[in-house]
């Protein structure tokens, strides 16, 4: 028996397009002699469909997809297991839907299993839409006993979130039921910390149930969420054979009674399947450096945001000569053709000569477009006009922010004119303490590095200069010059902020691990510095609430996964 775990890049809500992708990979599986094709969780709708699920017309259209897939199975010998939704009877109390896995074969629905554990932490809010399913029972098919667990059912209490402390264990429920193989449809988003932990959990569950397991995970970017795939098959000893290549469509095949895995990528190009008589085990995939994972994730996130939003495949952004916009330039050149990237320099009297020369040199090395537009006259005119109106000099902070907002105005005008996607260049450190200008440098449709701390920005830029597709593109001067917003004479970031090496470590403790000032002090940080950072983190939430979607790379990301009140004041007694 040959089982294939395939990862698909589907678009949320695109029922027709997703249906065609399912048929496409199913046809390949049929030609390759696959017996069971496993697809990801909610592959019919894309993940997460969010409040689209509240609309009855959408749920009923999904049922039409189910029927079409069931009918398509009548002409295939390959069974299909796919994730979708189930409409619950209206007379039953509870939510109107189940998060389900369907098994169809030769014109019939063999089985249907409902997800038991509904995550409500981080970016997940499944209990808003779904009712928990009952304990699943073994599925008998062709003389084999299969168990099906849907994503969180596998992870159960293994997630490092208090909200994931579940009262039941779907894995434990399958023990002692003579399960011979477990199928896991999943939509598990990427973070820099998750991939290795996910494989460990899969191996541990396999050892608990003493049987092989196939795991099919979604791949692709859906707004701020990025899915890395990593679909795999492990044997009954929990040994990972080989994963499908991450961050692209592909699959992995397991052949029984022995296991043999084939990794296939690049638009499901067909290759000769292995013979069941030539089994071999390959070593587990070694994790790549975090910088390589970040590059792959961000590039995929930008590409899919453009494609799935039906936007023109072109990018624009402000290139200041600093490290943040330099990193955005390199990432943009990886995501789309360099000739479809436009970088804009917008100098004022406070801009250093190096800012323009470094930016121009970077643009030339990348092969991207480079234009300049001085905003000095606009700055003078805007400032003097407002001062005439208020009959007094503008406050210094207001004068500084006029420059940033004029840059946002210029970039948005270029985006409107050309149809190019405007990328915001803020990093997580600046966003955390509000060191950015609302309606100014925060302008943009997507914030690709908004989940990277400043020190990580430097590390990723250094790595890209050595290992990326454009080695040495970022001039050394950009790495060595003191970071500056260049909004007033001789300004540097450290005039207003702690050193980034300190700031980032404290922010990580407060954001990723929820620590307070006293905990940071216990770990050796200065109390005054930690208190200032804590205050800034809380008093600038209104800026982040209005920021661009941030591509999720860390455990706690500003936006969908971190819900914080705007009008609040954390105090203790």
Protein backbone atom coordinates (compact mmCIF):
# COMPACT_ATOMS: atom_id res chain seq x y z
CA UNK A 1 0.00 0.00 0.00
CA UNK A 2 1.35 3.40 -0.97
CA UNK A 3 0.30 6.48 1.00
CA UNK A 4 1.11 10.00 -0.15
CA UNK A 5 1.10 13.10 2.08
CA UNK A 6 0.86 16.15 -0.19
CA UNK A 7 1.15 19.81 0.72
CA UNK A 8 -0.86 22.29 -1.35
CA UNK A 9 -0.69 26.07 -1.60
CA UNK A 10 -4.36 27.01 -1.64
CA UNK A 11 -6.08 30.39 -1.46
CA UNK A 12 -8.53 31.20 1.32
CA UNK A 13 -12.09 31.22 -0.01
CA UNK A 14 -11.16 30.17 -3.57
CA UNK A 15 -13.33 27.05 -3.65
CA UNK A 16 -13.10 26.65 -7.43
CA UNK A 17 -9.34 27.19 -7.60
CA UNK A 18 -8.68 24.94 -4.62
CA UNK A 19 -10.88 22.23 -6.14
CA UNK A 20 -8.79 22.31 -9.32
CA UNK A 21 -5.54 22.03 -7.33
CA UNK A 22 -6.93 19.02 -5.48
CA UNK A 23 -7.89 17.32 -8.75
CA UNK A 24 -4.46 18.12 -10.20
CA UNK A 25 -2.48 16.44 -7.42
CA UNK A 26 -5.03 13.60 -7.23
CA UNK A 27 -4.52 12.83 -10.93
CA UNK A 28 -0.76 12.60 -10.34
CA UNK A 29 -1.31 10.29 -7.40
CA UNK A 30 -3.55 8.09 -9.53
CA UNK A 31 -0.92 7.83 -12.26
CA UNK A 32 1.76 7.01 -9.68
CA UNK A 33 -0.18 4.10 -8.21
CA UNK A 34 -0.88 5.77 -4.87
CA UNK A 35 -3.52 4.04 -2.73
CA UNK A 36 -4.31 6.89 -0.30
CA UNK A 37 -3.70 10.58 -0.95
CA UNK A 38 -3.68 12.67 2.24
CA UNK A 39 -4.24 16.45 1.91
CA UNK A 40 -4.05 19.22 4.54
CA UNK A 41 -6.65 20.48 7.00
CA UNK A 42 -9.39 22.70 5.47
CA UNK A 43 -7.76 22.30 2.07
CA UNK A 44 -11.09 23.06 0.35
CA UNK A 45 -11.37 26.51 1.97
CA UNK A 46 -7.80 27.44 2.77
CA UNK A 47 -6.72 28.23 6.32
CA UNK A 48 -7.91 30.25 8.12
CA UNK A 49 -11.27 31.06 6.47
CA UNK A 50 -12.23 33.15 9.52
CA UNK A 51 -15.66 34.84 9.39
CA UNK A 52 -16.30 33.57 5.87
CA UNK A 53 -17.57 30.52 7.77
CA UNK A 54 -20.39 32.60 9.26
CA UNK A 55 -22.04 33.01 5.86
CA UNK A 56 -24.48 30.17 5.02
CA UNK A 57 -23.92 30.53 1.28
CA UNK A 58 -20.21 29.80 1.75
CA UNK A 59 -20.83 26.67 3.82
CA UNK A 60 -23.35 25.36 1.27
CA UNK A 61 -20.92 25.99 -1.61
CA UNK A 62 -18.33 23.94 0.27
CA UNK A 63 -20.81 21.08 0.42
CA UNK A 64 -20.97 21.20 -3.38
CA UNK A 65 -17.19 20.77 -3.43
CA UNK A 66 -17.55 17.68 -1.23
CA UNK A 67 -20.07 16.19 -3.61
CA UNK A 68 -17.87 16.95 -6.63
CA UNK A 69 -14.88 15.26 -4.98
CA UNK A 70 -16.97 12.25 -4.05
CA UNK A 71 -18.14 11.95 -7.65
CA UNK A 72 -14.57 12.36 -8.94
CA UNK A 73 -13.49 9.44 -6.74
CA UNK A 74 -15.73 7.09 -8.73
CA UNK A 75 -13.22 7.09 -11.60
CA UNK A 76 -10.10 6.68 -9.44
CA UNK A 77 -8.56 3.77 -7.58
CA UNK A 78 -6.71 6.19 -5.29
CA UNK A 79 -8.64 7.13 -2.14
CA UNK A 80 -8.64 10.78 -1.07
CA UNK A 81 -8.49 12.04 2.52
CA UNK A 82 -8.97 15.80 2.73
CA UNK A 83 -9.78 18.48 5.28
CA UNK A 84 -12.97 20.52 5.06
CA UNK A 85 -16.03 21.51 7.13
CA UNK A 86 -19.24 19.72 8.08
CA UNK A 87 -22.58 21.45 8.58
CA UNK A 88 -24.11 20.28 11.85
CA UNK A 89 -27.89 19.76 12.17
CA UNK A 90 -29.46 23.11 13.04
CA UNK A 91 -31.57 21.62 15.85
CA UNK A 92 -28.48 20.58 17.82
CA UNK A 93 -27.07 23.04 20.36
CA UNK A 94 -23.57 24.37 19.79
CA UNK A 95 -21.69 25.84 16.88
CA UNK A 96 -23.03 25.13 13.37
CA UNK A 97 -19.86 23.49 11.97
CA UNK A 98 -17.31 20.77 12.51
CA UNK A 99 -13.72 20.97 11.32
CA UNK A 100 -13.58 17.62 9.52
CA UNK A 101 -11.57 15.15 7.49
CA UNK A 102 -13.32 13.28 4.66
CA UNK A 103 -12.31 9.92 3.19
CA UNK A 104 -13.77 9.27 -0.27
CA UNK A 105 -13.16 6.32 -2.59
CA UNK A 106 -14.84 4.96 -5.72
CA UNK A 107 -17.88 7.21 -5.49
CA UNK A 108 -18.53 6.71 -1.77
CA UNK A 109 -17.75 8.49 1.46
CA UNK A 110 -15.82 5.88 3.42
CA UNK A 111 -15.57 7.88 6.63
CA UNK A 112 -15.74 11.33 8.16
CA UNK A 113 -13.82 12.39 11.28
CA UNK A 114 -14.27 15.64 13.22
CA UNK A 115 -11.56 17.62 14.97
CA UNK A 116 -11.73 17.21 18.74
CA UNK A 117 -9.34 19.89 20.03
CA UNK A 118 -10.09 23.43 18.86
CA UNK A 119 -7.21 25.85 19.51
CA UNK A 120 -8.04 29.34 20.75
CA UNK A 121 -4.53 30.64 21.45
CA UNK A 122 -2.14 32.77 19.37
CA UNK A 123 -3.58 33.20 15.84
CA UNK A 124 -6.18 30.45 16.32
CA UNK A 125 -9.86 31.02 17.12
CA UNK A 126 -11.49 27.78 16.01
CA UNK A 127 -13.97 27.59 18.88
CA UNK A 128 -15.53 30.73 17.41
CA UNK A 129 -16.77 28.68 14.45
CA UNK A 130 -16.56 24.96 15.21
CA UNK A 131 -18.02 22.50 17.68
CA UNK A 132 -15.56 19.93 19.10
CA UNK A 133 -16.01 16.52 17.53
CA UNK A 134 -16.55 13.23 19.37
CA UNK A 135 -13.72 10.77 19.96
CA UNK A 136 -12.72 9.23 16.65
CA UNK A 137 -12.84 5.51 15.97
CA UNK A 138 -10.61 3.39 13.71
CA UNK A 139 -11.41 3.42 10.00
CA UNK A 140 -11.19 0.01 8.33
CA UNK A 141 -10.18 0.12 4.68
CA UNK A 142 -8.72 -2.67 2.55
CA UNK A 143 -8.02 -4.77 5.58
CA UNK A 144 -6.12 -2.02 7.43
CA UNK A 145 -7.13 -0.02 10.50
CA UNK A 146 -6.46 3.71 10.18
CA UNK A 147 -6.68 6.47 12.73
CA UNK A 148 -7.29 10.09 11.67
CA UNK A 149 -6.32 13.05 13.86
CA UNK A 150 -6.70 16.64 12.67
CA UNK A 151 -3.79 19.00 13.43
CA UNK A 152 -4.31 20.07 17.07
CA UNK A 153 -5.54 16.55 17.90
CA UNK A 154 -1.95 15.51 17.29
CA UNK A 155 -0.31 18.36 19.22
CA UNK A 156 -2.83 18.25 22.11
CA UNK A 157 -1.01 19.51 25.23
CA UNK A 158 2.40 19.79 23.57
CA UNK A 159 2.01 23.48 22.69
CA UNK A 160 3.75 26.02 24.98
CA UNK A 161 0.53 27.96 25.60
CA UNK A 162 -1.58 27.85 28.78
CA UNK A 163 -4.73 27.92 26.63
CA UNK A 164 -3.79 24.58 25.05
CA UNK A 165 -4.14 22.56 28.26
CA UNK A 166 -6.87 20.24 27.02
CA UNK A 167 -8.95 17.91 29.17
CA UNK A 168 -8.94 15.02 26.69
CA UNK A 169 -6.32 13.28 24.57
CA UNK A 170 -7.31 12.14 21.05
CA UNK A 171 -3.98 10.31 20.79
CA UNK A 172 -4.59 8.41 24.00
CA UNK A 173 -8.07 7.54 22.79
CA UNK A 174 -6.60 5.64 19.82
CA UNK A 175 -4.28 3.55 21.98
CA UNK A 176 -5.29 -0.07 22.31
CA UNK A 177 -7.51 0.03 19.20
CA UNK A 178 -5.06 -1.83 16.96
CA UNK A 179 -4.40 1.19 14.75
CA UNK A 180 -1.97 0.31 11.95
CA UNK A 181 -1.46 3.78 10.49
CA UNK A 182 -2.33 7.36 11.49
CA UNK A 183 -3.20 10.11 9.01
CA UNK A 184 -2.82 13.76 10.06
CA UNK A 185 -4.30 16.55 7.88
CA UNK A 186 -2.85 19.78 9.26
CA UNK A 187 -2.68 23.55 8.85
CA UNK A 188 0.18 24.40 11.20
CA UNK A 189 1.63 27.88 10.58
CA UNK A 190 5.36 28.48 10.47
CA UNK A 191 7.44 30.09 13.17
CA UNK A 192 11.19 30.05 13.54
CA UNK A 193 10.79 27.95 16.67
CA UNK A 194 8.13 25.48 15.52
CA UNK A 195 9.50 23.24 12.78
CA UNK A 196 11.86 21.17 14.92
CA UNK A 197 9.28 20.91 17.71
CA UNK A 198 6.62 19.74 15.24
CA UNK A 199 8.78 16.84 14.04
CA UNK A 200 9.52 15.87 17.65
CA UNK A 201 5.80 15.76 18.46
CA UNK A 202 5.08 13.64 15.39
CA UNK A 203 7.78 11.17 16.38
CA UNK A 204 6.56 11.00 19.96
CA UNK A 205 2.97 10.28 18.92
CA UNK A 206 4.15 7.56 16.57
CA UNK A 207 6.01 5.90 19.41
CA UNK A 208 2.97 6.16 21.69
CA UNK A 209 0.70 4.49 19.15
CA UNK A 210 3.40 2.12 17.85
CA UNK A 211 2.48 2.61 14.21
CA UNK A 212 3.60 4.72 11.23
CA UNK A 213 2.18 8.18 10.64
CA UNK A 214 1.67 10.50 7.65
CA UNK A 215 1.46 14.25 8.22
CA UNK A 216 0.21 16.58 5.44
CA UNK A 217 0.62 20.27 6.22
CA UNK A 218 -0.55 23.31 4.27
CA UNK A 219 2.08 25.38 2.48
CA UNK A 220 1.96 29.00 1.32
CA UNK A 221 1.25 32.48 2.62
CA UNK A 222 -2.24 33.58 3.68
CA UNK A 223 -2.04 37.27 4.67
CA UNK A 224 0.22 37.33 7.75
CA UNK A 225 0.35 33.57 8.24
CA UNK A 226 2.97 31.50 6.43
CA UNK A 227 2.69 27.72 6.16
CA UNK A 228 5.95 25.89 5.55
CA UNK A 229 4.60 22.45 4.64
CA UNK A 230 7.14 19.97 5.92
CA UNK A 231 4.80 17.06 5.20
CA UNK A 232 6.37 13.75 6.16
CA UNK A 233 6.01 10.07 6.93
CA UNK A 234 7.61 8.42 9.96
CA UNK A 235 7.90 4.72 10.67
CA UNK A 236 6.57 2.85 13.69
CA UNK A 237 9.74 3.62 15.66
CA UNK A 238 9.24 7.35 15.27
CA UNK A 239 12.13 7.67 12.83
CA UNK A 240 11.61 10.52 10.40
CA UNK A 241 12.30 9.21 6.93
CA UNK A 242 12.24 12.40 4.89
CA UNK A 243 10.14 15.54 4.71
CA UNK A 244 8.73 17.10 1.59
CA UNK A 245 10.77 20.19 0.79
CA UNK A 246 9.57 23.16 2.89
CA UNK A 247 7.97 26.32 1.55
CA UNK A 248 6.88 24.79 -1.76
CA UNK A 249 4.27 22.37 -3.01
CA UNK A 250 5.35 18.76 -2.88
CA UNK A 251 4.70 15.37 -1.36
CA UNK A 252 6.14 12.36 0.42
CA UNK A 253 5.28 8.70 -0.33
CA UNK A 254 5.30 5.83 2.14
CA UNK A 255 5.24 2.28 0.75
CA UNK A 256 4.09 -0.61 2.98
CA UNK A 257 4.71 -3.11 4.57
CA UNK A 258 8.16 -1.50 4.35
CA UNK A 259 8.58 2.24 4.10
CA UNK A 260 10.20 4.08 1.27
CA UNK A 261 9.88 7.84 0.93
CA UNK A 262 10.06 9.86 -2.23
CA UNK A 263 10.29 13.66 -2.05
CA UNK A 264 8.71 15.35 -5.06
CA UNK A 265 8.47 19.08 -5.64
CA UNK A 266 8.24 21.65 -8.41
CA UNK A 267 4.59 21.66 -9.43
CA UNK A 268 4.13 17.95 -8.81
CA UNK A 269 6.37 16.80 -11.64
CA UNK A 270 5.89 13.04 -12.00
CA UNK A 271 8.78 10.68 -11.30
CA UNK A 272 8.99 6.93 -11.23
CA UNK A 273 7.65 5.71 -7.90
CA UNK A 274 9.87 3.36 -5.86
CA UNK A 275 9.35 -0.36 -5.95
CA UNK A 276 7.96 -1.82 -2.71
CA UNK A 277 10.69 -4.42 -2.97
CA UNK A 278 13.51 -1.88 -2.56
CA UNK A 279 12.94 -0.33 0.85
CA UNK A 280 15.42 2.10 2.34
CA UNK A 281 15.44 4.58 5.17
CA UNK A 282 16.90 8.05 4.69
CA UNK A 283 18.20 10.18 7.57
CA UNK A 284 15.98 12.90 9.02
CA UNK A 285 16.12 16.28 7.34
CA UNK A 286 18.56 18.54 9.16
CA UNK A 287 17.10 21.92 10.14
CA UNK A 288 18.42 24.79 8.06
CA UNK A 289 19.82 27.97 9.67
CA UNK A 290 17.13 30.29 11.00
CA UNK A 291 18.21 32.93 8.50
CA UNK A 292 17.53 30.58 5.59
CA UNK A 293 14.13 29.71 7.02
CA UNK A 294 13.35 33.41 7.49
CA UNK A 295 14.36 34.16 3.90
CA UNK A 296 12.17 31.36 2.54
CA UNK A 297 9.23 32.32 4.75
CA UNK A 298 9.34 36.06 4.04
CA UNK A 299 9.85 35.55 0.31
CA UNK A 300 6.89 33.15 0.15
CA UNK A 301 4.80 35.51 2.29
CA UNK A 302 5.42 38.45 -0.04
CA UNK A 303 4.88 36.40 -3.21
CA UNK A 304 1.62 34.88 -2.05
CA UNK A 305 0.31 38.15 -0.63
CA UNK A 306 0.72 39.66 -4.09
CA UNK A 307 -0.61 36.68 -6.03
CA UNK A 308 -3.54 35.82 -3.77
CA UNK A 309 -4.60 39.48 -3.61
CA UNK A 310 -4.56 39.63 -7.44
CA UNK A 311 -2.01 42.45 -7.36
CA UNK A 312 0.52 43.47 -9.95
CA UNK A 313 3.81 41.59 -9.25
CA UNK A 314 5.79 44.71 -8.44
CA UNK A 315 7.06 46.32 -5.24
CA UNK A 316 8.00 49.80 -4.06
CA UNK A 317 9.40 51.07 -0.76
CA UNK A 318 11.50 53.85 0.73
CA UNK A 319 15.24 53.18 0.74
CA UNK A 320 16.87 55.35 3.39
CA UNK A 321 20.40 53.97 3.52
CA UNK A 322 19.66 52.19 6.82
CA UNK A 323 19.74 48.49 7.58
CA UNK A 324 15.96 47.93 7.69
CA UNK A 325 15.18 49.27 4.22
CA UNK A 326 18.36 47.64 2.89
CA UNK A 327 17.09 44.26 4.09
CA UNK A 328 13.68 44.97 2.53
CA UNK A 329 15.44 45.73 -0.77
CA UNK A 330 17.20 42.34 -0.78
CA UNK A 331 14.04 40.46 0.25
CA UNK A 332 11.99 42.23 -2.44
CA UNK A 333 14.56 41.26 -5.08
CA UNK A 334 14.20 37.63 -3.95
CA UNK A 335 10.39 37.78 -4.01
CA UNK A 336 9.81 39.30 -7.47
CA UNK A 337 11.96 40.10 -10.48
CA UNK A 338 14.49 42.84 -9.60
CA UNK A 339 13.28 44.96 -12.49
CA UNK A 340 9.85 44.99 -10.85
CA UNK A 341 11.21 46.57 -7.64
CA UNK A 342 11.40 50.35 -7.21
CA UNK A 343 13.33 51.92 -4.32
CA UNK A 344 12.78 55.59 -3.54
CA UNK A 345 15.18 57.91 -1.73
CA UNK A 346 13.50 60.96 -0.17
CA UNK A 347 16.21 63.21 1.27
CA UNK A 348 15.95 66.37 3.34
CA UNK A 349 18.61 68.71 4.69
CA UNK A 350 19.18 66.18 7.50
CA UNK A 351 20.00 63.27 5.18
CA UNK A 352 23.65 62.33 5.07
CA UNK A 353 25.48 62.01 1.76
CA UNK A 354 26.14 58.38 2.61
CA UNK A 355 22.45 57.61 2.83
CA UNK A 356 21.96 58.35 -0.86
CA UNK A 357 25.25 56.92 -2.15
CA UNK A 358 24.84 53.71 -0.14
CA UNK A 359 21.25 53.33 -1.30
CA UNK A 360 22.17 53.89 -4.94
CA UNK A 361 25.01 51.38 -4.71
CA UNK A 362 22.70 48.78 -3.14
CA UNK A 363 20.07 49.30 -5.84
CA UNK A 364 22.64 48.93 -8.60
CA UNK A 365 24.04 45.72 -7.10
CA UNK A 366 20.55 44.25 -6.85
CA UNK A 367 19.45 45.45 -10.27
CA UNK A 368 16.36 47.17 -8.86
CA UNK A 369 14.99 50.57 -9.81
CA UNK A 370 16.24 53.63 -7.90
CA UNK A 371 14.78 57.13 -7.92
CA UNK A 372 15.07 60.13 -5.63
CA UNK A 373 12.52 62.74 -4.67
CA UNK A 374 13.61 65.53 -2.35
CA UNK A 375 10.89 66.38 0.18
CA UNK A 376 12.71 69.45 1.55
CA UNK A 377 10.45 72.01 -0.13
CA UNK A 378 7.33 70.07 0.85
CA UNK A 379 8.62 69.93 4.42
CA UNK A 380 9.22 73.67 4.57
CA UNK A 381 5.89 74.51 2.98
CA UNK A 382 3.89 72.12 5.16
CA UNK A 383 5.57 73.29 8.36
CA UNK A 384 5.21 76.99 7.60
CA UNK A 385 1.59 76.58 6.54
CA UNK A 386 0.67 74.86 9.81
CA UNK A 387 2.62 77.42 11.87
CA UNK A 388 0.73 80.22 10.12
CA UNK A 389 -2.53 78.50 11.03
CA UNK A 390 -1.69 77.92 14.70
CA UNK A 391 0.24 81.19 15.07
CA UNK A 392 3.13 79.61 16.94
CA UNK A 393 6.14 77.40 16.18
CA UNK A 394 5.50 73.69 15.74
CA UNK A 395 6.71 71.36 18.46
CA UNK A 396 9.96 69.59 17.59
CA UNK A 397 8.33 66.14 17.43
CA UNK A 398 5.67 67.46 15.06
CA UNK A 399 8.33 69.00 12.80
CA UNK A 400 10.23 65.71 12.69
CA UNK A 401 7.17 63.63 11.92
CA UNK A 402 6.13 65.89 9.02
CA UNK A 403 9.14 64.50 7.17
CA UNK A 404 8.20 60.90 7.83
CA UNK A 405 4.57 61.51 6.84
CA UNK A 406 5.60 63.27 3.64
CA UNK A 407 7.64 60.19 2.78
CA UNK A 408 4.58 58.03 3.42
CA UNK A 409 2.53 60.36 1.20
CA UNK A 410 5.11 60.17 -1.60
CA UNK A 411 5.34 56.38 -1.44
CA UNK A 412 1.57 55.91 -1.39
CA UNK A 413 1.23 58.21 -4.40
CA UNK A 414 3.80 56.11 -6.28
CA UNK A 415 1.99 52.92 -5.25
CA UNK A 416 -1.35 54.32 -6.44
CA UNK A 417 0.18 55.48 -9.71
CA UNK A 418 2.10 52.32 -10.58
CA UNK A 419 0.03 49.62 -8.87
CA UNK A 420 3.13 48.43 -7.02
CA UNK A 421 2.78 46.92 -3.54
CA UNK A 422 4.21 49.26 -0.91
CA UNK A 423 6.22 47.41 1.74
CA UNK A 424 6.61 48.86 5.22
CA UNK A 425 10.15 48.73 6.60
CA UNK A 426 9.57 48.75 10.38
CA UNK A 427 11.20 46.08 12.53
CA UNK A 428 9.77 44.53 15.70
CA UNK A 429 11.96 46.53 18.09
CA UNK A 430 10.79 49.87 16.68
CA UNK A 431 7.16 48.76 16.54
CA UNK A 432 7.32 47.52 20.13
CA UNK A 433 8.38 50.86 21.63
CA UNK A 434 6.58 53.09 19.13
CA UNK A 435 9.77 54.34 17.46
CA UNK A 436 7.95 54.81 14.18
CA UNK A 437 5.56 57.35 12.73
CA UNK A 438 1.91 56.54 12.24
CA UNK A 439 0.87 57.39 8.65
CA UNK A 440 4.56 57.93 7.88
CA UNK A 441 7.26 55.24 7.78
CA UNK A 442 4.61 52.75 8.94
CA UNK A 443 2.77 53.18 5.62
CA UNK A 444 2.50 50.04 3.53
CA UNK A 445 0.33 47.05 2.67
CA UNK A 446 2.61 44.47 4.30
CA UNK A 447 5.37 44.53 6.93
CA UNK A 448 7.79 41.71 6.01
CA UNK A 449 10.29 42.29 8.84
CA UNK A 450 7.85 43.47 11.51
CA UNK A 451 8.44 40.24 13.47
CA UNK A 452 12.24 40.52 13.47
CA UNK A 453 14.02 42.35 16.27
CA UNK A 454 16.66 44.87 15.22
CA UNK A 455 19.54 42.58 16.12
CA UNK A 456 17.91 39.85 14.01
CA UNK A 457 17.62 42.31 11.12
CA UNK A 458 21.40 42.78 11.23
CA UNK A 459 21.99 39.03 11.50
CA UNK A 460 19.71 38.21 8.57
CA UNK A 461 21.21 40.98 6.43
CA UNK A 462 24.73 39.71 7.17
CA UNK A 463 23.71 36.15 6.30
CA UNK A 464 22.10 37.28 3.04
CA UNK A 465 25.23 39.21 2.11
CA UNK A 466 27.14 35.92 2.37
CA UNK A 467 24.61 33.25 1.34
CA UNK A 468 21.77 34.94 -0.51
CA UNK A 469 21.23 35.28 -4.24
CA UNK A 470 22.92 38.70 -4.17
CA UNK A 471 26.15 38.24 -2.17
CA UNK A 472 27.76 41.45 -1.04
CA UNK A 473 24.86 43.57 -2.23
CA UNK A 474 24.50 45.55 1.00
CA UNK A 475 27.40 48.02 1.34
CA UNK A 476 29.49 47.60 4.47
CA UNK A 477 28.81 51.21 5.46
CA UNK A 478 25.13 50.33 6.02
CA UNK A 479 26.19 47.77 8.63
CA UNK A 480 28.64 50.02 10.43
CA UNK A 481 26.89 53.41 10.51
CA UNK A 482 24.84 54.18 13.66
CA UNK A 483 21.10 53.63 13.00
CA UNK A 484 19.30 56.96 12.49
CA UNK A 485 15.88 58.23 11.43
CA UNK A 486 17.64 61.40 10.12
CA UNK A 487 14.79 63.66 11.16
CA UNK A 488 17.02 66.26 12.88
CA UNK A 489 20.74 67.16 12.90
CA UNK A 490 23.13 64.40 14.05
CA UNK A 491 20.27 62.18 15.19
CA UNK A 492 20.92 58.51 16.06
CA UNK A 493 18.50 55.91 17.42
CA UNK A 494 20.40 55.54 20.69
CA UNK A 495 19.55 59.16 21.56
CA UNK A 496 16.02 57.89 22.24
CA UNK A 497 16.40 54.13 22.74
CA UNK A 498 18.54 51.77 24.81
CA UNK A 499 21.22 49.92 22.92
CA UNK A 500 19.51 47.38 20.67
CA UNK A 501 21.44 44.50 22.24
CA UNK A 502 19.74 45.34 25.54
CA UNK A 503 16.41 46.51 24.13
CA UNK A 504 15.86 43.34 22.12
CA UNK A 505 16.62 40.96 24.99
CA UNK A 506 14.20 42.76 27.28
CA UNK A 507 11.53 42.97 24.57
CA UNK A 508 11.87 39.26 23.87
CA UNK A 509 11.23 38.47 27.51
CA UNK A 510 8.24 40.79 27.69
CA UNK A 511 6.64 39.90 24.35
CA UNK A 512 7.51 36.27 23.67
CA UNK A 513 7.42 35.06 27.30
CA UNK A 514 5.10 37.57 28.97
CA UNK A 515 7.58 38.64 31.65
CA UNK A 516 7.29 41.87 33.66
CA UNK A 517 9.84 44.41 34.86
CA UNK A 518 10.69 42.55 38.09
CA UNK A 519 11.43 39.35 36.16
CA UNK A 520 13.75 41.24 33.79
CA UNK A 521 15.53 42.81 36.78
CA UNK A 522 15.98 39.34 38.30
CA UNK A 523 17.74 38.35 35.08
CA UNK A 524 20.22 41.19 35.45
CA UNK A 525 18.67 44.06 33.50
CA UNK A 526 18.57 47.64 34.74
CA UNK A 527 15.24 48.44 36.39
CA UNK A 528 14.94 51.95 34.96
CA UNK A 529 15.59 50.68 31.43
CA UNK A 530 13.17 47.76 31.80
CA UNK A 531 10.48 50.05 33.25
CA UNK A 532 10.80 52.49 30.34
CA UNK A 533 10.53 49.66 27.81
CA UNK A 534 7.49 48.21 29.62
CA UNK A 535 5.74 51.61 29.56
CA UNK A 536 6.53 52.18 25.89
CA UNK A 537 5.34 48.71 24.94
CA UNK A 538 1.95 49.37 26.53
CA UNK A 539 1.40 53.02 25.64
CA UNK A 540 2.06 52.57 21.90
CA UNK A 541 -0.43 49.80 21.20
CA UNK A 542 -2.56 52.26 19.20
CA UNK A 543 0.19 52.48 16.58
CA UNK A 544 0.45 48.73 16.13
CA UNK A 545 -3.33 48.44 15.90
CA UNK A 546 -3.17 50.60 12.76
CA UNK A 547 -0.04 49.06 11.27
CA UNK A 548 0.36 46.90 8.18
CA UNK A 549 -0.13 43.12 8.50
CA UNK A 550 3.07 41.64 9.91
CA UNK A 551 4.38 38.36 8.49
CA UNK A 552 4.43 35.91 11.39
CA UNK A 553 7.88 34.52 12.19
CA UNK A 554 7.93 34.36 16.01
CA UNK A 555 5.79 32.86 18.73
CA UNK A 556 4.11 36.20 19.54
CA UNK A 557 3.54 38.48 16.58
CA UNK A 558 1.97 41.92 16.60
CA UNK A 559 -1.47 41.74 15.01
CA UNK A 560 -3.64 38.65 14.74
CA UNK A 561 -1.77 36.63 17.36
CA UNK A 562 -1.45 39.35 20.03
CA UNK A 563 -4.75 40.90 21.03
CA UNK A 564 -4.21 43.80 23.36
CA UNK A 565 -6.53 46.60 24.51
CA UNK A 566 -5.71 50.07 23.19
CA UNK A 567 -7.05 52.09 26.10
CA UNK A 568 -5.45 50.41 29.08
CA UNK A 569 -2.98 50.95 31.89
CA UNK A 570 -1.31 47.97 33.56
CA UNK A 571 -0.80 48.65 37.27
CA UNK A 572 -0.28 46.57 40.39
CA UNK A 573 -0.89 47.09 44.10
